[in-house]
């Protein structure tokens, strides 16, 4: 099960993803971003409550990241934990997507660019 919440602050969308992101619900995240891209193209994905992510979930994140780039936007990840952090580490996702330990670090990076 996945829970997705969206908060917009200073044109930065903070998307909190809770639960599990896998093949059974990756489509839900893609659909949510169809709406979010109407509001902004700059995002921080808050993974603090994401307990699990499989390769399909990671593929969805990469697709959303590429879509943000096409819109001259930005997407990063903050607060990776548990198995989701392990998937990000094992796949070396940090070479494609910026990953921060906290939301504040992500915000500082966005505002300094």
PDB file of N, CA and C in Angstrom:
ATOM      1  N   UNK A   1       0.841  -1.181   0.000  1.00  0.00           N
ATOM      2  CA  UNK A   1       0.000   0.000   0.000  1.00  0.00           C
ATOM      3  C   UNK A   1       0.886   1.244   0.000  1.00  0.00           C
ATOM      4  N   UNK A   2       0.429   2.281  -0.693  1.00  0.00           N
ATOM      5  CA  UNK A   2       1.169   3.522  -0.776  1.00  0.00           C
ATOM      6  C   UNK A   2       0.261   4.677  -0.383  1.00  0.00           C
ATOM      7  N   UNK A   3       0.857   5.658   0.274  1.00  0.00           N
ATOM      8  CA  UNK A   3       0.151   6.895   0.599  1.00  0.00           C
ATOM      9  C   UNK A   3       1.005   8.030   0.061  1.00  0.00           C
ATOM     10  N   UNK A   4       0.386   8.936  -0.677  1.00  0.00           N
ATOM     11  CA  UNK A   4       1.107  10.032  -1.314  1.00  0.00           C
ATOM     12  C   UNK A   4       0.466  11.339  -0.875  1.00  0.00           C
ATOM     13  N   UNK A   5       1.270  12.253  -0.329  1.00  0.00           N
ATOM     14  CA  UNK A   5       0.748  13.570   0.021  1.00  0.00           C
ATOM     15  C   UNK A   5       1.609  14.638  -0.639  1.00  0.00           C
ATOM     16  N   UNK A   6       0.983  15.767  -0.947  1.00  0.00           N
ATOM     17  CA  UNK A   6       1.646  16.841  -1.685  1.00  0.00           C
ATOM     18  C   UNK A   6       1.471  18.144  -0.932  1.00  0.00           C
ATOM     19  N   UNK A   7       2.579  18.882  -0.792  1.00  0.00           N
ATOM     20  CA  UNK A   7       2.557  20.198  -0.172  1.00  0.00           C
ATOM     21  C   UNK A   7       3.380  21.130  -1.046  1.00  0.00           C
ATOM     22  N   UNK A   8       2.830  22.282  -1.387  1.00  0.00           N
ATOM     23  CA  UNK A   8       3.533  23.247  -2.222  1.00  0.00           C
ATOM     24  C   UNK A   8       3.959  24.423  -1.368  1.00  0.00           C
ATOM     25  N   UNK A   9       5.259  24.713  -1.387  1.00  0.00           N
ATOM     26  CA  UNK A   9       5.808  25.837  -0.632  1.00  0.00           C
ATOM     27  C   UNK A   9       6.864  26.525  -1.483  1.00  0.00           C
ATOM     28  N   UNK A  10       6.627  27.815  -1.779  1.00  0.00           N
ATOM     29  CA  UNK A  10       7.573  28.587  -2.601  1.00  0.00           C
ATOM     30  C   UNK A  10       7.860  27.902  -3.934  1.00  0.00           C
ATOM     31  N   UNK A  11       6.827  27.419  -4.592  1.00  0.00           N
ATOM     32  CA  UNK A  11       6.937  26.740  -5.893  1.00  0.00           C
ATOM     33  C   UNK A  11       7.715  25.430  -5.853  1.00  0.00           C
ATOM     34  N   UNK A  12       7.945  24.902  -4.657  1.00  0.00           N
ATOM     35  CA  UNK A  12       8.617  23.613  -4.502  1.00  0.00           C
ATOM     36  C   UNK A  12       7.584  22.617  -3.990  1.00  0.00           C
ATOM     37  N   UNK A  13       7.387  21.561  -4.753  1.00  0.00           N
ATOM     38  CA  UNK A  13       6.457  20.525  -4.338  1.00  0.00           C
ATOM     39  C   UNK A  13       7.165  19.499  -3.480  1.00  0.00           C
ATOM     40  N   UNK A  14       6.666  19.328  -2.277  1.00  0.00           N
ATOM     41  CA  UNK A  14       7.208  18.292  -1.391  1.00  0.00           C
ATOM     42  C   UNK A  14       6.217  17.139  -1.404  1.00  0.00           C
ATOM     43  N   UNK A  15       6.679  16.014  -1.917  1.00  0.00           N
ATOM     44  CA  UNK A  15       5.824  14.849  -2.088  1.00  0.00           C
ATOM     45  C   UNK A  15       6.270  13.783  -1.093  1.00  0.00           C
ATOM     46  N   UNK A  16       5.436  13.524  -0.115  1.00  0.00           N
ATOM     47  CA  UNK A  16       5.758  12.502   0.888  1.00  0.00           C
ATOM     48  C   UNK A  16       5.153  11.180   0.431  1.00  0.00           C
ATOM     49  N   UNK A  17       6.013  10.187   0.305  1.00  0.00           N
ATOM     50  CA  UNK A  17       5.592   8.864  -0.125  1.00  0.00           C
ATOM     51  C   UNK A  17       5.762   7.913   1.055  1.00  0.00           C
ATOM     52  N   UNK A  18       4.659   7.336   1.486  1.00  0.00           N
ATOM     53  CA  UNK A  18       4.670   6.445   2.654  1.00  0.00           C
ATOM     54  C   UNK A  18       4.231   5.050   2.248  1.00  0.00           C
ATOM     55  N   UNK A  19       4.718   4.072   2.983  1.00  0.00           N
ATOM     56  CA  UNK A  19       4.323   2.685   2.740  1.00  0.00           C
ATOM     57  C   UNK A  19       5.299   1.971   1.830  1.00  0.00           C
ATOM     58  N   UNK A  20       4.767   1.353   0.789  1.00  0.00           N
ATOM     59  CA  UNK A  20       5.582   0.569  -0.136  1.00  0.00           C
ATOM     60  C   UNK A  20       5.337   1.038  -1.562  1.00  0.00           C
ATOM     61  N   UNK A  21       6.411   1.251  -2.311  1.00  0.00           N
ATOM     62  CA  UNK A  21       6.329   1.644  -3.717  1.00  0.00           C
ATOM     63  C   UNK A  21       6.825   0.468  -4.541  1.00  0.00           C
ATOM     64  N   UNK A  22       5.889  -0.180  -5.230  1.00  0.00           N
ATOM     65  CA  UNK A  22       6.250  -1.379  -5.985  1.00  0.00           C
ATOM     66  C   UNK A  22       5.396  -1.493  -7.239  1.00  0.00           C
ATOM     67  N   UNK A  23       5.504  -2.621  -7.899  1.00  0.00           N
ATOM     68  CA  UNK A  23       4.796  -2.831  -9.165  1.00  0.00           C
ATOM     69  C   UNK A  23       3.284  -2.692  -9.017  1.00  0.00           C
ATOM     70  N   UNK A  24       2.766  -2.977  -7.839  1.00  0.00           N
ATOM     71  CA  UNK A  24       1.316  -2.939  -7.653  1.00  0.00           C
ATOM     72  C   UNK A  24       0.747  -1.526  -7.563  1.00  0.00           C
ATOM     73  N   UNK A  25       1.610  -0.519  -7.270  1.00  0.00           N
ATOM     74  CA  UNK A  25       1.067   0.822  -7.074  1.00  0.00           C
ATOM     75  C   UNK A  25       1.891   1.944  -7.726  1.00  0.00           C
ATOM     76  N   UNK A  26       2.894   1.604  -8.493  1.00  0.00           N
ATOM     77  CA  UNK A  26       3.700   2.631  -9.162  1.00  0.00           C
ATOM     78  C   UNK A  26       2.838   3.508 -10.066  1.00  0.00           C
ATOM     79  N   UNK A  27       1.812   2.907 -10.650  1.00  0.00           N
ATOM     80  CA  UNK A  27       0.897   3.659 -11.515  1.00  0.00           C
ATOM     81  C   UNK A  27       0.211   4.782 -10.735  1.00  0.00           C
ATOM     82  N   UNK A  28      -0.085   4.550  -9.457  1.00  0.00           N
ATOM     83  CA  UNK A  28      -0.720   5.570  -8.625  1.00  0.00           C
ATOM     84  C   UNK A  28       0.188   6.789  -8.476  1.00  0.00           C
ATOM     85  N   UNK A  29       1.481   6.553  -8.314  1.00  0.00           N
ATOM     86  CA  UNK A  29       2.421   7.660  -8.189  1.00  0.00           C
ATOM     87  C   UNK A  29       2.519   8.433  -9.503  1.00  0.00           C
ATOM     88  N   UNK A  30       2.578   7.734 -10.619  1.00  0.00           N
ATOM     89  CA  UNK A  30       2.620   8.408 -11.924  1.00  0.00           C
ATOM     90  C   UNK A  30       1.375   9.269 -12.126  1.00  0.00           C
ATOM     91  N   UNK A  31       0.211   8.753 -11.771  1.00  0.00           N
ATOM     92  CA  UNK A  31      -1.036   9.509 -11.920  1.00  0.00           C
ATOM     93  C   UNK A  31      -1.033  10.747 -11.026  1.00  0.00           C
ATOM     94  N   UNK A  32      -0.533  10.609  -9.814  1.00  0.00           N
ATOM     95  CA  UNK A  32      -0.464  11.763  -8.906  1.00  0.00           C
ATOM     96  C   UNK A  32       0.406  12.860  -9.510  1.00  0.00           C
ATOM     97  N   UNK A  33       1.507  12.470 -10.124  1.00  0.00           N
ATOM     98  CA  UNK A  33       2.406  13.464 -10.707  1.00  0.00           C
ATOM     99  C   UNK A  33       1.810  14.136 -11.938  1.00  0.00           C
ATOM    100  N   UNK A  34       0.853  13.520 -12.594  1.00  0.00           N
ATOM    101  CA  UNK A  34       0.161  14.195 -13.697  1.00  0.00           C
ATOM    102  C   UNK A  34      -0.450  15.499 -13.186  1.00  0.00           C
ATOM    103  N   UNK A  35      -1.020  15.460 -11.989  1.00  0.00           N
ATOM    104  CA  UNK A  35      -1.590  16.657 -11.370  1.00  0.00           C
ATOM    105  C   UNK A  35      -0.497  17.580 -10.826  1.00  0.00           C
ATOM    106  N   UNK A  36       0.497  17.026 -10.165  1.00  0.00           N
ATOM    107  CA  UNK A  36       1.538  17.852  -9.544  1.00  0.00           C
ATOM    108  C   UNK A  36       2.295  18.691 -10.572  1.00  0.00           C
ATOM    109  N   UNK A  37       2.516  18.134 -11.766  1.00  0.00           N
ATOM    110  CA  UNK A  37       3.237  18.884 -12.796  1.00  0.00           C
ATOM    111  C   UNK A  37       2.424  20.075 -13.306  1.00  0.00           C
ATOM    112  N   UNK A  38       1.135  20.120 -13.038  1.00  0.00           N
ATOM    113  CA  UNK A  38       0.334  21.295 -13.366  1.00  0.00           C
ATOM    114  C   UNK A  38       0.581  22.436 -12.384  1.00  0.00           C
ATOM    115  N   UNK A  39       1.183  22.119 -11.239  1.00  0.00           N
ATOM    116  CA  UNK A  39       1.407  23.102 -10.181  1.00  0.00           C
ATOM    117  C   UNK A  39       2.853  23.586 -10.107  1.00  0.00           C
ATOM    118  N   UNK A  40       3.797  22.718 -10.433  1.00  0.00           N
ATOM    119  CA  UNK A  40       5.224  23.060 -10.342  1.00  0.00           C
ATOM    120  C   UNK A  40       6.031  22.037 -11.114  1.00  0.00           C
ATOM    121  N   UNK A  41       7.307  22.317 -11.272  1.00  0.00           N
ATOM    122  CA  UNK A  41       8.204  21.325 -11.888  1.00  0.00           C
ATOM    123  C   UNK A  41       9.428  21.083 -11.004  1.00  0.00           C
ATOM    124  N   UNK A  42       9.367  21.564  -9.762  1.00  0.00           N
ATOM    125  CA  UNK A  42      10.456  21.386  -8.796  1.00  0.00           C
ATOM    126  C   UNK A  42       9.922  20.555  -7.636  1.00  0.00           C
ATOM    127  N   UNK A  43      10.591  19.435  -7.365  1.00  0.00           N
ATOM    128  CA  UNK A  43      10.072  18.490  -6.374  1.00  0.00           C
ATOM    129  C   UNK A  43      11.150  17.954  -5.444  1.00  0.00           C
ATOM    130  N   UNK A  44      10.739  17.743  -4.220  1.00  0.00           N
ATOM    131  CA  UNK A  44      11.508  16.956  -3.250  1.00  0.00           C
ATOM    132  C   UNK A  44      10.632  15.757  -2.898  1.00  0.00           C
ATOM    133  N   UNK A  45      11.159  14.574  -3.086  1.00  0.00           N
ATOM    134  CA  UNK A  45      10.451  13.366  -2.674  1.00  0.00           C
ATOM    135  C   UNK A  45      10.903  13.015  -1.262  1.00  0.00           C
ATOM    136  N   UNK A  46       9.989  13.056  -0.334  1.00  0.00           N
ATOM    137  CA  UNK A  46      10.282  12.737   1.062  1.00  0.00           C
ATOM    138  C   UNK A  46      10.053  11.245   1.269  1.00  0.00           C
ATOM    139  N   UNK A  47      11.139  10.522   1.468  1.00  0.00           N
ATOM    140  CA  UNK A  47      11.094   9.067   1.641  1.00  0.00           C
ATOM    141  C   UNK A  47      11.143   8.656   3.112  1.00  0.00           C
ATOM    142  N   UNK A  48      10.940   9.587   4.049  1.00  0.00           N
ATOM    143  CA  UNK A  48      11.110   9.259   5.469  1.00  0.00           C
ATOM    144  C   UNK A  48      10.186   8.132   5.938  1.00  0.00           C
ATOM    145  N   UNK A  49       9.020   7.991   5.323  1.00  0.00           N
ATOM    146  CA  UNK A  49       8.085   6.933   5.716  1.00  0.00           C
ATOM    147  C   UNK A  49       7.921   5.859   4.644  1.00  0.00           C
ATOM    148  N   UNK A  50       8.817   5.862   3.657  1.00  0.00           N
ATOM    149  CA  UNK A  50       8.779   4.820   2.629  1.00  0.00           C
ATOM    150  C   UNK A  50       9.530   3.608   3.163  1.00  0.00           C
ATOM    151  N   UNK A  51       8.810   2.521   3.358  1.00  0.00           N
ATOM    152  CA  UNK A  51       9.388   1.331   3.971  1.00  0.00           C
ATOM    153  C   UNK A  51      10.043   0.391   2.968  1.00  0.00           C
ATOM    154  N   UNK A  52       9.549   0.409   1.722  1.00  0.00           N
ATOM    155  CA  UNK A  52      10.034  -0.539   0.727  1.00  0.00           C
ATOM    156  C   UNK A  52       9.866   0.059  -0.659  1.00  0.00           C
ATOM    157  N   UNK A  53      10.820  -0.235  -1.534  1.00  0.00           N
ATOM    158  CA  UNK A  53      10.725   0.164  -2.930  1.00  0.00           C
ATOM    159  C   UNK A  53      11.398  -0.911  -3.768  1.00  0.00           C
ATOM    160  N   UNK A  54      10.702  -1.390  -4.810  1.00  0.00           N
ATOM    161  CA  UNK A  54      11.307  -2.372  -5.691  1.00  0.00           C
ATOM    162  C   UNK A  54      11.802  -1.692  -6.969  1.00  0.00           C
ATOM    163  N   UNK A  55      12.278  -2.480  -7.914  1.00  0.00           N
ATOM    164  CA  UNK A  55      12.855  -1.917  -9.136  1.00  0.00           C
ATOM    165  C   UNK A  55      11.811  -1.181  -9.974  1.00  0.00           C
ATOM    166  N   UNK A  56      10.569  -1.628  -9.933  1.00  0.00           N
ATOM    167  CA  UNK A  56       9.510  -0.920 -10.653  1.00  0.00           C
ATOM    168  C   UNK A  56       9.287   0.459 -10.043  1.00  0.00           C
ATOM    169  N   UNK A  57       9.297   0.525  -8.725  1.00  0.00           N
ATOM    170  CA  UNK A  57       9.173   1.808  -8.032  1.00  0.00           C
ATOM    171  C   UNK A  57      10.311   2.747  -8.389  1.00  0.00           C
ATOM    172  N   UNK A  58      11.529   2.219  -8.395  1.00  0.00           N
ATOM    173  CA  UNK A  58      12.683   3.037  -8.763  1.00  0.00           C
ATOM    174  C   UNK A  58      12.561   3.499 -10.215  1.00  0.00           C
ATOM    175  N   UNK A  59      12.119   2.622 -11.105  1.00  0.00           N
ATOM    176  CA  UNK A  59      11.926   3.004 -12.498  1.00  0.00           C
ATOM    177  C   UNK A  59      10.915   4.133 -12.636  1.00  0.00           C
ATOM    178  N   UNK A  60       9.877   4.107 -11.826  1.00  0.00           N
ATOM    179  CA  UNK A  60       8.879   5.172 -11.839  1.00  0.00           C
ATOM    180  C   UNK A  60       9.494   6.489 -11.383  1.00  0.00           C
ATOM    181  N   UNK A  61      10.297   6.438 -10.337  1.00  0.00           N
ATOM    182  CA  UNK A  61      10.976   7.647  -9.851  1.00  0.00           C
ATOM    183  C   UNK A  61      11.881   8.212 -10.948  1.00  0.00           C
ATOM    184  N   UNK A  62      12.613   7.363 -11.638  1.00  0.00           N
ATOM    185  CA  UNK A  62      13.500   7.816 -12.714  1.00  0.00           C
ATOM    186  C   UNK A  62      12.679   8.452 -13.836  1.00  0.00           C
ATOM    187  N   UNK A  63      11.558   7.859 -14.205  1.00  0.00           N
ATOM    188  CA  UNK A  63      10.702   8.439 -15.246  1.00  0.00           C
ATOM    189  C   UNK A  63      10.195   9.827 -14.844  1.00  0.00           C
ATOM    190  N   UNK A  64       9.780   9.967 -13.584  1.00  0.00           N
ATOM    191  CA  UNK A  64       9.304  11.261 -13.095  1.00  0.00           C
ATOM    192  C   UNK A  64      10.446  12.271 -13.096  1.00  0.00           C
ATOM    193  N   UNK A  65      11.637  11.831 -12.696  1.00  0.00           N
ATOM    194  CA  UNK A  65      12.824  12.688 -12.720  1.00  0.00           C
ATOM    195  C   UNK A  65      13.083  13.201 -14.141  1.00  0.00           C
ATOM    196  N   UNK A  66      13.044  12.319 -15.119  1.00  0.00           N
ATOM    197  CA  UNK A  66      13.289  12.714 -16.511  1.00  0.00           C
ATOM    198  C   UNK A  66      12.214  13.668 -17.015  1.00  0.00           C
ATOM    199  N   UNK A  67      10.979  13.444 -16.600  1.00  0.00           N
ATOM    200  CA  UNK A  67       9.898  14.340 -16.995  1.00  0.00           C
ATOM    201  C   UNK A  67      10.121  15.738 -16.404  1.00  0.00           C
ATOM    202  N   UNK A  68      10.576  15.795 -15.155  1.00  0.00           N
ATOM    203  CA  UNK A  68      10.883  17.090 -14.537  1.00  0.00           C
ATOM    204  C   UNK A  68      11.982  17.805 -15.319  1.00  0.00           C
ATOM    205  N   UNK A  69      13.005  17.076 -15.714  1.00  0.00           N
ATOM    206  CA  UNK A  69      14.075  17.680 -16.507  1.00  0.00           C
ATOM    207  C   UNK A  69      13.550  18.232 -17.831  1.00  0.00           C
ATOM    208  N   UNK A  70      12.662  17.501 -18.488  1.00  0.00           N
ATOM    209  CA  UNK A  70      12.082  17.967 -19.751  1.00  0.00           C
ATOM    210  C   UNK A  70      11.298  19.257 -19.568  1.00  0.00           C
ATOM    211  N   UNK A  71      10.745  19.453 -18.390  1.00  0.00           N
ATOM    212  CA  UNK A  71       9.993  20.665 -18.091  1.00  0.00           C
ATOM    213  C   UNK A  71      10.895  21.746 -17.479  1.00  0.00           C
ATOM    214  N   UNK A  72      12.207  21.575 -17.633  1.00  0.00           N
ATOM    215  CA  UNK A  72      13.183  22.519 -17.058  1.00  0.00           C
ATOM    216  C   UNK A  72      13.056  22.582 -15.539  1.00  0.00           C
ATOM    217  N   UNK A  73      12.668  21.472 -14.936  1.00  0.00           N
ATOM    218  CA  UNK A  73      12.470  21.413 -13.497  1.00  0.00           C
ATOM    219  C   UNK A  73      13.575  20.648 -12.800  1.00  0.00           C
ATOM    220  N   UNK A  74      13.238  20.131 -11.626  1.00  0.00           N
ATOM    221  CA  UNK A  74      14.214  19.478 -10.775  1.00  0.00           C
ATOM    222  C   UNK A  74      13.483  18.509  -9.862  1.00  0.00           C
ATOM    223  N   UNK A  75      14.121  17.396  -9.563  1.00  0.00           N
ATOM    224  CA  UNK A  75      13.577  16.432  -8.618  1.00  0.00           C
ATOM    225  C   UNK A  75      14.733  15.848  -7.824  1.00  0.00           C
ATOM    226  N   UNK A  76      14.557  15.768  -6.508  1.00  0.00           N
ATOM    227  CA  UNK A  76      15.548  15.122  -5.647  1.00  0.00           C
ATOM    228  C   UNK A  76      14.818  14.290  -4.599  1.00  0.00           C
ATOM    229  N   UNK A  77      15.583  13.526  -3.862  1.00  0.00           N
ATOM    230  CA  UNK A  77      15.047  12.648  -2.817  1.00  0.00           C
ATOM    231  C   UNK A  77      15.637  13.079  -1.484  1.00  0.00           C
ATOM    232  N   UNK A  78      14.797  13.061  -0.449  1.00  0.00           N
ATOM    233  CA  UNK A  78      15.263  13.367   0.909  1.00  0.00           C
ATOM    234  C   UNK A  78      14.784  12.276   1.862  1.00  0.00           C
ATOM    235  N   UNK A  79      15.542  12.072   2.901  1.00  0.00           N
ATOM    236  CA  UNK A  79      15.189  11.155   3.995  1.00  0.00           C
ATOM    237  C   UNK A  79      15.041   9.692   3.605  1.00  0.00           C
ATOM    238  N   UNK A  80      15.888   9.157   2.739  1.00  0.00           N
ATOM    239  CA  UNK A  80      15.710   7.733   2.423  1.00  0.00           C
ATOM    240  C   UNK A  80      16.001   6.869   3.654  1.00  0.00           C
ATOM    241  N   UNK A  81      15.186   5.852   3.855  1.00  0.00           N
ATOM    242  CA  UNK A  81      15.308   4.961   5.006  1.00  0.00           C
ATOM    243  C   UNK A  81      15.127   3.514   4.562  1.00  0.00           C
ATOM    244  N   UNK A  82      15.473   2.630   5.442  1.00  0.00           N
ATOM    245  CA  UNK A  82      15.159   1.202   5.331  1.00  0.00           C
ATOM    246  C   UNK A  82      15.545   0.598   3.984  1.00  0.00           C
ATOM    247  N   UNK A  83      14.663  -0.249   3.487  1.00  0.00           N
ATOM    248  CA  UNK A  83      14.938  -0.958   2.239  1.00  0.00           C
ATOM    249  C   UNK A  83      14.973  -0.020   1.043  1.00  0.00           C
ATOM    250  N   UNK A  84      14.225   1.065   1.091  1.00  0.00           N
ATOM    251  CA  UNK A  84      14.269   2.039  -0.004  1.00  0.00           C
ATOM    252  C   UNK A  84      15.660   2.646  -0.106  1.00  0.00           C
ATOM    253  N   UNK A  85      16.267   2.959   1.024  1.00  0.00           N
ATOM    254  CA  UNK A  85      17.634   3.502   1.020  1.00  0.00           C
ATOM    255  C   UNK A  85      18.608   2.476   0.465  1.00  0.00           C
ATOM    256  N   UNK A  86      18.405   1.233   0.786  1.00  0.00           N
ATOM    257  CA  UNK A  86      19.276   0.180   0.283  1.00  0.00           C
ATOM    258  C   UNK A  86      19.177   0.048  -1.236  1.00  0.00           C
ATOM    259  N   UNK A  87      17.955   0.116  -1.768  1.00  0.00           N
ATOM    260  CA  UNK A  87      17.769   0.050  -3.225  1.00  0.00           C
ATOM    261  C   UNK A  87      18.472   1.232  -3.892  1.00  0.00           C
ATOM    262  N   UNK A  88      18.321   2.423  -3.339  1.00  0.00           N
ATOM    263  CA  UNK A  88      18.982   3.606  -3.904  1.00  0.00           C
ATOM    264  C   UNK A  88      20.497   3.439  -3.879  1.00  0.00           C
ATOM    265  N   UNK A  89      21.017   2.918  -2.782  1.00  0.00           N
ATOM    266  CA  UNK A  89      22.461   2.723  -2.648  1.00  0.00           C
ATOM    267  C   UNK A  89      22.970   1.651  -3.622  1.00  0.00           C
ATOM    268  N   UNK A  90      22.292   0.519  -3.673  1.00  0.00           N
ATOM    269  CA  UNK A  90      22.734  -0.599  -4.517  1.00  0.00           C
ATOM    270  C   UNK A  90      22.709  -0.240  -6.002  1.00  0.00           C
ATOM    271  N   UNK A  91      21.747   0.558  -6.398  1.00  0.00           N
ATOM    272  CA  UNK A  91      21.616   0.917  -7.815  1.00  0.00           C
ATOM    273  C   UNK A  91      22.403   2.171  -8.170  1.00  0.00           C
ATOM    274  N   UNK A  92      23.044   2.761  -7.177  1.00  0.00           N
ATOM    275  CA  UNK A  92      23.821   3.994  -7.356  1.00  0.00           C
ATOM    276  C   UNK A  92      22.969   5.106  -7.954  1.00  0.00           C
ATOM    277  N   UNK A  93      21.740   5.191  -7.479  1.00  0.00           N
ATOM    278  CA  UNK A  93      20.799   6.200  -7.962  1.00  0.00           C
ATOM    279  C   UNK A  93      21.313   7.614  -7.748  1.00  0.00           C
ATOM    280  N   UNK A  94      22.210   7.798  -6.764  1.00  0.00           N
ATOM    281  CA  UNK A  94      22.757   9.128  -6.492  1.00  0.00           C
ATOM    282  C   UNK A  94      23.552   9.689  -7.673  1.00  0.00           C
ATOM    283  N   UNK A  95      23.920   8.831  -8.611  1.00  0.00           N
ATOM    284  CA  UNK A  95      24.629   9.308  -9.800  1.00  0.00           C
ATOM    285  C   UNK A  95      23.678   9.981 -10.782  1.00  0.00           C
ATOM    286  N   UNK A  96      22.374   9.750 -10.602  1.00  0.00           N
ATOM    287  CA  UNK A  96      21.368  10.341 -11.483  1.00  0.00           C
ATOM    288  C   UNK A  96      20.547  11.394 -10.742  1.00  0.00           C
ATOM    289  N   UNK A  97      20.124  11.060  -9.529  1.00  0.00           N
ATOM    290  CA  UNK A  97      19.236  11.921  -8.739  1.00  0.00           C
ATOM    291  C   UNK A  97      19.967  12.340  -7.467  1.00  0.00           C
ATOM    292  N   UNK A  98      19.896  13.636  -7.138  1.00  0.00           N
ATOM    293  CA  UNK A  98      20.482  14.094  -5.879  1.00  0.00           C
ATOM    294  C   UNK A  98      19.679  13.539  -4.718  1.00  0.00           C
ATOM    295  N   UNK A  99      20.398  13.015  -3.723  1.00  0.00           N
ATOM    296  CA  UNK A  99      19.775  12.428  -2.544  1.00  0.00           C
ATOM    297  C   UNK A  99      20.330  13.150  -1.316  1.00  0.00           C
ATOM    298  N   UNK A 100      19.415  13.623  -0.466  1.00  0.00           N
ATOM    299  CA  UNK A 100      19.792  14.387   0.719  1.00  0.00           C
ATOM    300  C   UNK A 100      19.301  13.672   1.974  1.00  0.00           C
ATOM    301  N   UNK A 101      20.006  13.904   3.075  1.00  0.00           N
ATOM    302  CA  UNK A 101      19.626  13.275   4.343  1.00  0.00           C
ATOM    303  C   UNK A 101      18.364  13.885   4.936  1.00  0.00           C
ATOM    304  N   UNK A 102      18.116  15.177   4.648  1.00  0.00           N
ATOM    305  CA  UNK A 102      16.960  15.859   5.227  1.00  0.00           C
ATOM    306  C   UNK A 102      16.268  16.740   4.179  1.00  0.00           C
ATOM    307  N   UNK A 103      15.036  17.108   4.491  1.00  0.00           N
ATOM    308  CA  UNK A 103      14.291  18.051   3.647  1.00  0.00           C
ATOM    309  C   UNK A 103      15.006  19.399   3.644  1.00  0.00           C
ATOM    310  N   UNK A 104      15.489  19.830   4.808  1.00  0.00           N
ATOM    311  CA  UNK A 104      16.168  21.131   4.886  1.00  0.00           C
ATOM    312  C   UNK A 104      17.391  21.186   3.977  1.00  0.00           C
ATOM    313  N   UNK A 105      18.169  20.117   3.930  1.00  0.00           N
ATOM    314  CA  UNK A 105      19.333  20.085   3.032  1.00  0.00           C
ATOM    315  C   UNK A 105      18.887  20.194   1.574  1.00  0.00           C
ATOM    316  N   UNK A 106      17.817  19.490   1.229  1.00  0.00           N
ATOM    317  CA  UNK A 106      17.297  19.554  -0.138  1.00  0.00           C
ATOM    318  C   UNK A 106      16.817  20.958  -0.473  1.00  0.00           C
ATOM    319  N   UNK A 107      16.097  21.587   0.442  1.00  0.00           N
ATOM    320  CA  UNK A 107      15.612  22.947   0.222  1.00  0.00           C
ATOM    321  C   UNK A 107      16.768  23.924   0.045  1.00  0.00           C
ATOM    322  N   UNK A 108      17.793  23.811   0.892  1.00  0.00           N
ATOM    323  CA  UNK A 108      18.960  24.697   0.786  1.00  0.00           C
ATOM    324  C   UNK A 108      19.624  24.532  -0.580  1.00  0.00           C
ATOM    325  N   UNK A 109      19.747  23.309  -1.047  1.00  0.00           N
ATOM    326  CA  UNK A 109      20.373  23.051  -2.340  1.00  0.00           C
ATOM    327  C   UNK A 109      19.546  23.681  -3.463  1.00  0.00           C
ATOM    328  N   UNK A 110      18.247  23.538  -3.408  1.00  0.00           N
ATOM    329  CA  UNK A 110      17.379  24.098  -4.450  1.00  0.00           C
ATOM    330  C   UNK A 110      17.464  25.618  -4.430  1.00  0.00           C
ATOM    331  N   UNK A 111      17.384  26.211  -3.262  1.00  0.00           N
ATOM    332  CA  UNK A 111      17.385  27.665  -3.169  1.00  0.00           C
ATOM    333  C   UNK A 111      18.726  28.293  -3.515  1.00  0.00           C
ATOM    334  N   UNK A 112      19.809  27.525  -3.398  1.00  0.00           N
ATOM    335  CA  UNK A 112      21.131  28.073  -3.726  1.00  0.00           C
ATOM    336  C   UNK A 112      21.432  27.982  -5.218  1.00  0.00           C
ATOM    337  N   UNK A 113      20.628  27.267  -5.965  1.00  0.00           N
ATOM    338  CA  UNK A 113      20.858  27.131  -7.416  1.00  0.00           C
ATOM    339  C   UNK A 113      20.003  28.043  -8.206  1.00  0.00           C
TER     340      UNK A 113
END
